[in-house]
Protein backbone atom coordinates (compact mmCIF):
# COMPACT_ATOMS: atom_id res chain seq x y z
CA CYS A 1 76.75 105.61 65.65
CA THR A 2 73.83 103.32 66.19
CA PRO A 3 72.92 100.76 68.83
CA GLN A 4 74.10 98.06 66.46
CA GLN A 5 77.59 99.68 66.49
CA SER A 6 77.84 99.59 70.22
CA ASN A 7 80.25 97.73 72.37
CA GLN A 8 79.60 96.28 75.79
CA MET A 9 82.33 97.31 78.16
CA GLU A 10 82.19 96.60 81.91
CA GLY A 11 78.40 96.34 81.88
CA VAL A 12 77.91 99.85 80.50
CA LEU A 13 76.63 100.63 77.02
CA LEU A 14 79.39 102.42 75.14
CA HIS A 15 79.31 103.84 71.71
CA GLN A 16 82.30 104.15 69.41
CA GLY A 17 82.57 107.17 67.16
CA CYS A 18 80.33 109.62 69.08
CA LEU A 19 83.22 112.03 69.38
CA SER A 20 84.76 111.35 65.95
CA ALA A 21 83.06 114.42 64.49
CA ALA A 22 84.64 116.55 67.24
CA GLY A 23 88.03 114.98 66.81
CA PHE A 24 88.08 112.81 69.89
CA GLY A 25 88.88 109.21 68.92
CA VAL A 26 87.83 107.58 72.17
CA PRO A 27 84.90 105.39 73.25
CA VAL A 28 82.22 107.19 75.25
CA ARG A 29 79.11 106.30 77.21
CA CYS A 30 76.18 108.12 75.71
CA GLU A 31 73.51 107.57 78.26
CA ALA A 32 75.42 108.32 81.46
CA ALA A 33 76.71 111.82 82.09
CA PRO A 34 78.84 112.42 85.16
CA ARG A 35 79.39 116.13 85.88
CA VAL A 36 82.93 117.20 85.23
CA SER A 37 83.60 120.30 87.31
CA GLY A 38 85.96 121.93 89.71
CA ALA A 39 89.66 122.58 89.64
CA THR A 40 90.48 119.17 90.99
CA SER A 41 88.74 117.29 88.22
CA GLY A 42 90.28 119.50 85.59
CA ALA A 43 93.79 119.19 87.02
CA ARG A 44 93.57 115.43 87.25
CA ALA A 45 92.26 115.16 83.74
CA ARG A 46 95.12 117.22 82.41
CA GLN A 47 97.57 114.99 84.29
CA ALA A 48 95.86 111.77 83.27
CA ALA A 49 95.17 112.24 79.56
CA PRO A 50 95.37 115.01 77.04
CA VAL A 51 92.03 113.79 75.56
CA ALA A 52 90.33 114.30 78.92
CA ALA A 53 91.77 117.80 79.28
CA ALA A 54 90.65 118.72 75.75
CA ALA A 55 87.19 117.34 76.40
CA ILE A 56 86.83 119.30 79.64
CA SER A 57 88.16 122.56 78.26
CA GLY A 58 85.87 122.28 75.23
CA LEU A 59 82.63 121.43 76.99
CA ASN A 60 81.15 124.91 76.92
CA ARG A 61 82.01 125.81 73.37
CA SER A 62 81.69 122.52 71.45
CA PRO A 63 78.86 122.50 68.89
CA ARG A 64 76.07 120.09 69.05
CA ILE A 65 76.89 116.98 67.06
CA ASN A 66 74.25 114.75 65.62
CA CYS A 67 76.25 111.72 66.60
CA CYS A 68 73.86 109.14 67.84
CA ARG A 69 70.30 108.09 67.24
CA LEU A 70 69.69 107.23 70.86
CA SER A 71 67.20 109.75 72.17
CA ARG A 72 69.11 110.38 75.41
CA CYS A 73 72.46 110.89 73.79
CA GLN A 74 73.70 114.45 74.24
CA PRO A 75 77.08 115.33 72.67
CA ARG A 76 78.13 117.70 75.52
CA ARG A 77 77.35 114.88 77.93
CA CYS A 78 79.30 112.47 75.76
CA LEU A 79 82.36 114.80 76.02
CA ALA A 80 82.03 114.96 79.85
CA THR A 81 81.81 111.15 80.02
CA ALA A 82 84.79 110.64 77.71
CA ALA A 83 86.82 112.98 79.95
CA MET A 84 85.84 111.09 83.12
CA ALA A 85 86.48 107.75 81.43
CA ALA A 86 89.93 108.85 80.43
CA VAL A 87 90.73 110.06 83.94
CA ALA A 88 89.18 106.91 85.56
CA THR A 89 91.32 104.69 83.32
CA GLU A 90 94.43 106.35 84.69
CA TRP A 91 93.86 106.90 88.29
CA GLN A 92 90.68 105.66 89.92
CA SER A 93 88.65 102.96 88.22
CA VAL A 94 87.77 100.10 90.56
CA SER A 95 87.69 97.69 87.62
CA GLY A 96 90.96 99.05 86.34
CA ALA A 97 92.67 98.62 89.71
CA MET A 98 91.40 94.98 89.92
CA ALA A 99 92.56 94.30 86.33
CA LYS A 100 95.98 95.71 87.18
CA ALA A 101 96.27 93.49 90.27
CA LYS A 102 95.37 90.43 88.18
CA GLU A 103 97.88 91.44 85.46
CA ASN A 104 100.58 91.71 88.17
CA LYS A 105 99.52 88.35 89.62
CA LYS A 106 98.54 89.99 92.90
CA VAL A 107 95.54 89.30 95.07
CA ALA A 108 93.77 92.56 95.77
CA PHE A 109 94.03 94.03 99.26
CA ILE A 110 90.87 95.98 100.09
CA PRO A 111 90.87 97.64 103.54
CA PHE A 112 87.87 99.31 105.16
CA ILE A 113 87.78 102.22 107.63
CA THR A 114 85.02 104.47 109.02
CA ALA A 115 85.07 108.11 108.07
CA GLY A 116 85.42 110.28 111.14
CA ASP A 117 86.75 107.67 113.54
CA PRO A 118 88.37 109.08 115.54
CA ASP A 119 88.18 112.30 113.41
CA MET A 120 88.32 113.34 109.82
CA ASP A 121 91.98 114.45 109.90
CA THR A 122 93.05 111.03 111.20
CA THR A 123 90.84 109.34 108.58
CA ALA A 124 92.57 111.29 105.86
CA GLU A 125 95.97 110.19 107.10
CA ALA A 126 94.73 106.60 107.47
CA LEU A 127 93.71 106.68 103.78
CA ARG A 128 97.18 107.85 102.88
CA ARG A 129 98.77 105.07 104.93
CA LEU A 130 96.55 102.34 103.59
CA ASP A 131 97.41 103.51 100.03
CA ALA A 132 101.12 103.41 100.91
CA ALA A 133 100.70 99.94 102.41
CA GLY A 134 99.54 98.62 99.02
CA ALA A 135 95.82 98.84 99.09
CA THR A 136 94.30 97.92 95.70
CA VAL A 137 90.95 99.51 96.52
CA ILE A 138 89.84 101.26 99.76
CA GLU A 139 86.41 101.08 101.26
CA LEU A 140 85.38 104.19 103.17
CA GLY A 141 82.39 103.72 105.48
CA VAL A 142 79.94 106.51 106.10
CA ALA A 143 79.13 106.66 109.83
CA TYR A 144 75.47 105.61 110.36
CA SER A 145 73.34 105.21 113.50
CA ASP A 146 71.86 101.76 112.53
CA PRO A 147 74.58 99.77 110.73
CA LEU A 148 72.66 96.51 110.44
CA ALA A 149 75.44 94.57 108.58
CA ASP A 150 78.08 95.53 111.07
CA GLY A 151 79.23 93.90 114.27
CA PRO A 152 80.31 95.61 117.54
CA VAL A 153 83.68 96.95 116.30
CA ILE A 154 82.33 98.95 113.31
CA GLN A 155 79.15 99.86 115.22
CA SER A 156 81.35 101.39 117.87
CA ALA A 157 83.40 103.21 115.23
CA SER A 158 80.26 104.69 113.79
CA THR A 159 79.13 105.78 117.28
CA ARG A 160 82.48 107.45 117.96
CA ALA A 161 82.40 109.17 114.63
CA LEU A 162 78.87 110.48 115.07
CA ASP A 163 79.53 111.60 118.62
CA GLY A 164 82.51 113.49 117.22
CA GLY A 165 80.33 115.34 114.76
CA SER A 166 80.84 113.19 111.63
CA THR A 167 78.43 113.90 108.78
CA LEU A 168 78.18 112.89 105.17
CA ASP A 169 79.19 116.39 104.03
CA LYS A 170 82.25 116.29 106.26
CA ALA A 171 83.18 112.87 104.92
CA LEU A 172 82.90 114.04 101.31
CA THR A 173 84.90 117.20 102.07
CA MET A 174 87.66 115.12 103.63
CA LEU A 175 87.63 112.69 100.72
CA ALA A 176 87.84 115.54 98.18
CA ALA A 177 90.92 116.91 99.97
CA VAL A 178 92.81 113.59 100.27
CA SER A 179 91.82 111.76 97.03
CA PRO A 180 94.40 113.64 94.89
CA GLU A 181 97.08 112.25 97.10
CA ILE A 182 96.19 108.49 96.83
CA SER A 183 96.24 106.11 93.90
CA ALA A 184 93.84 103.42 95.22
CA PRO A 185 90.26 103.99 94.10
CA VAL A 186 87.80 104.62 96.96
CA VAL A 187 84.49 102.81 97.26
CA MET A 188 81.95 104.53 99.46
CA PHE A 189 80.26 102.03 101.82
CA THR A 190 76.95 103.43 103.03
CA TYR A 191 73.52 102.31 104.07
CA TYR A 192 70.62 103.42 101.91
CA ASN A 193 69.06 105.97 104.25
CA PRO A 194 71.71 108.65 103.70
CA ILE A 195 71.36 108.13 99.97
CA MET A 196 67.59 108.41 100.08
CA ALA A 197 67.73 111.46 102.31
CA ARG A 198 69.91 113.32 99.77
CA GLY A 199 68.46 111.79 96.66
CA PRO A 200 70.36 109.11 94.65
CA ASP A 201 71.42 111.39 91.77
CA GLU A 202 72.76 114.09 94.08
CA PHE A 203 74.44 111.63 96.39
CA CYS A 204 76.24 109.87 93.57
CA ARG A 205 77.21 113.18 91.93
CA GLN A 206 78.67 114.52 95.13
CA ALA A 207 80.49 111.24 95.87
CA ARG A 208 82.01 111.17 92.45
CA GLU A 209 83.09 114.82 92.58
CA ALA A 210 84.70 114.15 95.92
CA GLY A 211 86.82 111.45 94.30
CA ALA A 212 84.94 108.27 94.97
CA SER A 213 85.10 105.64 92.29
CA GLY A 214 82.57 103.08 93.57
CA LEU A 215 79.56 102.55 95.79
CA LEU A 216 78.49 99.69 98.03
CA VAL A 217 75.05 99.71 99.68
CA PRO A 218 74.73 96.62 101.97
CA ASP A 219 71.04 96.99 102.90
CA LEU A 220 69.68 97.21 99.36
CA PRO A 221 68.53 93.91 97.78
CA LEU A 222 69.10 93.14 94.12
CA GLU A 223 65.51 93.86 93.17
CA GLU A 224 65.65 97.44 94.60
CA THR A 225 68.94 98.58 92.99
CA ASP A 226 67.66 99.95 89.72
CA VAL A 227 67.34 103.52 90.87
CA ILE A 228 70.70 103.72 92.63
CA ARG A 229 72.44 101.83 89.79
CA ASP A 230 71.17 104.37 87.24
CA ALA A 231 72.32 107.18 89.49
CA ALA A 232 75.71 105.56 90.09
CA VAL A 233 76.33 104.79 86.42
CA GLY A 234 75.19 108.30 85.49
CA ALA A 235 77.76 109.78 87.93
CA GLY A 236 80.56 107.48 86.87
CA LEU A 237 80.51 105.25 89.99
CA GLU A 238 80.75 101.45 89.91
CA LEU A 239 78.14 99.75 92.09
CA VAL A 240 79.54 96.77 93.97
CA MET A 241 77.14 94.01 94.93
CA LEU A 242 77.25 91.40 97.73
CA THR A 243 76.54 87.72 97.85
CA THR A 244 76.37 85.61 101.08
CA PRO A 245 76.69 81.93 102.14
CA THR A 246 72.92 81.77 102.08
CA THR A 247 72.37 83.33 98.63
CA PRO A 248 70.90 80.68 96.25
CA GLU A 249 73.18 79.83 93.31
CA GLU A 250 70.89 81.29 90.61
CA ARG A 251 70.49 84.54 92.58
CA ALA A 252 74.26 84.77 93.10
CA LYS A 253 74.69 84.52 89.31
CA ARG A 254 72.22 87.39 88.84
CA ILE A 255 74.02 89.49 91.45
CA ALA A 256 77.44 88.77 89.88
CA ALA A 257 76.04 89.73 86.44
CA VAL A 258 75.22 93.27 87.56
CA SER A 259 78.02 93.88 90.09
CA GLN A 260 80.68 96.28 88.94
CA GLY A 261 84.32 96.46 89.88
CA PHE A 262 84.25 93.12 91.75
CA VAL A 263 81.77 90.77 93.43
CA TYR A 264 81.82 91.01 97.24
CA LEU A 265 81.48 87.53 98.80
CA VAL A 266 80.44 87.77 102.43
CA SER A 267 82.19 84.79 104.14
CA VAL A 268 79.81 84.36 107.03
CA ALA A 269 76.08 84.21 107.71
CA GLY A 270 76.30 87.14 110.08
CA VAL A 271 77.66 90.56 110.62
CA THR A 272 81.10 92.03 110.23
CA GLY A 273 83.80 91.29 112.87
CA ALA A 274 87.14 89.62 113.23
CA ARG A 275 87.05 85.79 113.49
CA LEU A 276 89.72 83.47 114.73
CA LYS A 277 89.47 81.29 111.63
CA THR A 278 87.82 81.25 108.24
CA GLU A 279 85.11 78.66 107.67
CA ALA A 280 86.16 75.86 105.38
CA ARG A 281 82.96 76.19 103.35
CA VAL A 282 84.21 79.54 102.03
CA GLU A 283 86.46 77.64 99.61
CA GLY A 284 83.41 76.10 98.01
CA LEU A 285 81.63 79.43 97.91
CA ILE A 286 84.54 81.05 96.07
CA ALA A 287 84.75 78.16 93.59
CA SER A 288 80.96 78.31 92.92
CA LEU A 289 80.93 82.06 92.41
CA LYS A 290 83.92 81.97 90.14
CA LYS A 291 82.16 79.42 87.93
CA ALA A 292 79.26 81.87 87.60
CA THR A 293 81.31 84.96 86.69
CA ASP A 294 84.66 86.08 85.26
CA LYS A 295 84.59 89.20 87.49
CA PRO A 296 86.95 89.32 90.46
CA VAL A 297 85.59 87.63 93.60
CA CYS A 298 86.68 89.41 96.79
CA VAL A 299 86.02 87.90 100.24
CA GLY A 300 85.18 89.97 103.34
CA PHE A 301 83.56 89.80 106.79
CA GLY A 302 85.67 88.07 109.40
CA VAL A 303 89.13 88.41 107.81
CA SER A 304 91.56 89.84 110.30
CA THR A 305 95.00 88.23 110.04
CA PRO A 306 97.71 87.72 107.39
CA GLU A 307 97.19 83.97 107.79
CA GLN A 308 93.54 84.16 106.99
CA ALA A 309 94.26 86.40 104.00
CA LYS A 310 96.81 83.90 102.68
CA GLN A 311 94.29 81.02 103.19
CA LEU A 312 91.74 82.85 101.09
CA THR A 313 94.27 83.38 98.29
CA GLU A 314 94.96 79.66 98.30
CA TRP A 315 91.27 79.05 97.94
CA GLY A 316 91.14 81.19 94.81
CA ALA A 317 89.93 84.60 96.09
CA ASP A 318 90.85 87.48 93.81
CA GLY A 319 90.75 89.94 96.66
CA VAL A 320 90.57 90.07 100.47
CA ILE A 321 88.58 92.67 102.31
CA VAL A 322 89.64 93.59 105.84
CA GLY A 323 87.53 95.86 108.00
CA SER A 324 87.00 95.30 111.69
CA ALA A 325 90.59 94.46 112.56
CA LEU A 326 91.83 97.71 110.93
CA VAL A 327 89.01 99.72 112.43
CA ARG A 328 89.88 98.39 115.93
CA ALA A 329 93.60 99.06 115.40
CA LEU A 330 92.87 102.66 114.42
CA GLY A 331 89.92 103.64 116.58
CA GLU A 332 90.62 101.82 119.86
CA ALA A 333 94.25 102.73 120.33
CA PRO A 334 95.31 104.93 123.30
CA SER A 335 96.15 107.81 120.93
CA LYS A 336 95.60 108.80 117.33
CA GLU A 337 99.29 108.37 116.41
CA GLU A 338 99.42 104.94 118.02
CA GLY A 339 96.24 104.04 116.19
CA LEU A 340 97.81 105.12 112.84
CA GLU A 341 100.88 103.13 113.58
CA ALA A 342 98.86 100.04 114.47
CA LEU A 343 96.79 100.40 111.28
CA SER A 344 99.92 100.81 109.12
CA LYS A 345 101.53 97.76 110.67
CA LEU A 346 98.55 95.47 110.23
CA ALA A 347 97.79 96.71 106.70
CA ALA A 348 101.45 96.11 105.66
CA GLU A 349 101.41 92.62 107.13
CA ILE A 350 98.22 91.61 105.40
CA SER A 351 99.26 93.22 102.08
CA SER A 352 102.59 91.35 102.23
CA ALA A 353 100.75 88.06 102.74
CA LEU A 354 98.92 88.60 99.46
C-alpha cells in the first residue's frame, strides 16, 4: 500500500492491505505499534476476534512482508496493531463506546474515581460497580500530590490514597486485575509529572497493557502534547483533550480536531467540585463546540446530581462526566462498604437520568 491508498480513521493514519499478503484482511495502523503481550491480552484477543488471535499467535513466526513504502512501517508491528485494533473494537475503544452510546440514543455516563481511595481493593470493586451501573467510559485518576485542576474533594482523595501507600505501579496492577471484568473502557486521568518521571513511551505502554484505553492529562497545553500524543497513539491509547469556558473559539477548534474518543468540555472557569447548579452559559459552550466538531462533546467539572445531568442532555451534551460527587460518596463514607453502596446508588441515579 502507498500513502495515497490510506484511509483516515479516528485521526490515525491507517493503511488498507498491509496484511493482505499474510492473509489478514483487516485495516492496520502502520506507524503505531502497541506491544501485544501477556496472557491477558492474548486471551482477550481470542475472545474478541479470531483475526486478533491469529495475529498474536503468528507474531514471532510471520515473515517480513514488503507491504508498505512508509519507512517506519514494520510488518510485525502491523500485525500487533491489527490485533489490538480488533480487540479494542470489541471491548475497550473509547471512540467505540461513545459511538455505541450514540447509536443507542444514549447520553454517555462517564464517572471518575481516584485509584487507591480508600484502597486499591475498594477501587477495583468501585470500577465493577460503576460498570454495572451503566458507565459508558470510566475515568481513573492517578493519585498525585499537586492536583492543580482539582478542588478540595479530589485533592483530599489523592491525599488519602497517597497516605495509604498508593503508587502508579499499584494502580496499574489493580487495573490489570480488574479490567477483564468490566466492559467500559478506562481513561487514565493523570498529571504530566508521573508520565515524565517514567517516560511517555513506557508510561503509555504500561497503561495500555494494564487495560487502559485512553489518557487525559489536564496540565498539558495543546502546544506541548506532541510527545505524549505520539506515545499514546503508539501504545494504542486515545488522548482526550479539554476545552474550558475561557478557551478562544479558534483554539477550541484546534483542540477538538486532535482530541480522541471525545472532547472534554470543562463547564466552569475553576477547579473540579460539586456545584449546586450548572451555569446557563454552558448551553452556549456546548452549541459552539458542537459546531466546530462532529466528535462527542462531554461536559464535566461541577456535575453532581441527576437533575444537572439531565439539564446537560437537554442542552445537547453527548456525555456527562461526574467526579467529585462520586469520589465523596466513596471516600468520605463511615466505612468502605457504605462508601461502595453510596457510590452505586448515586451512579445508578445519574445513569438513569441519561
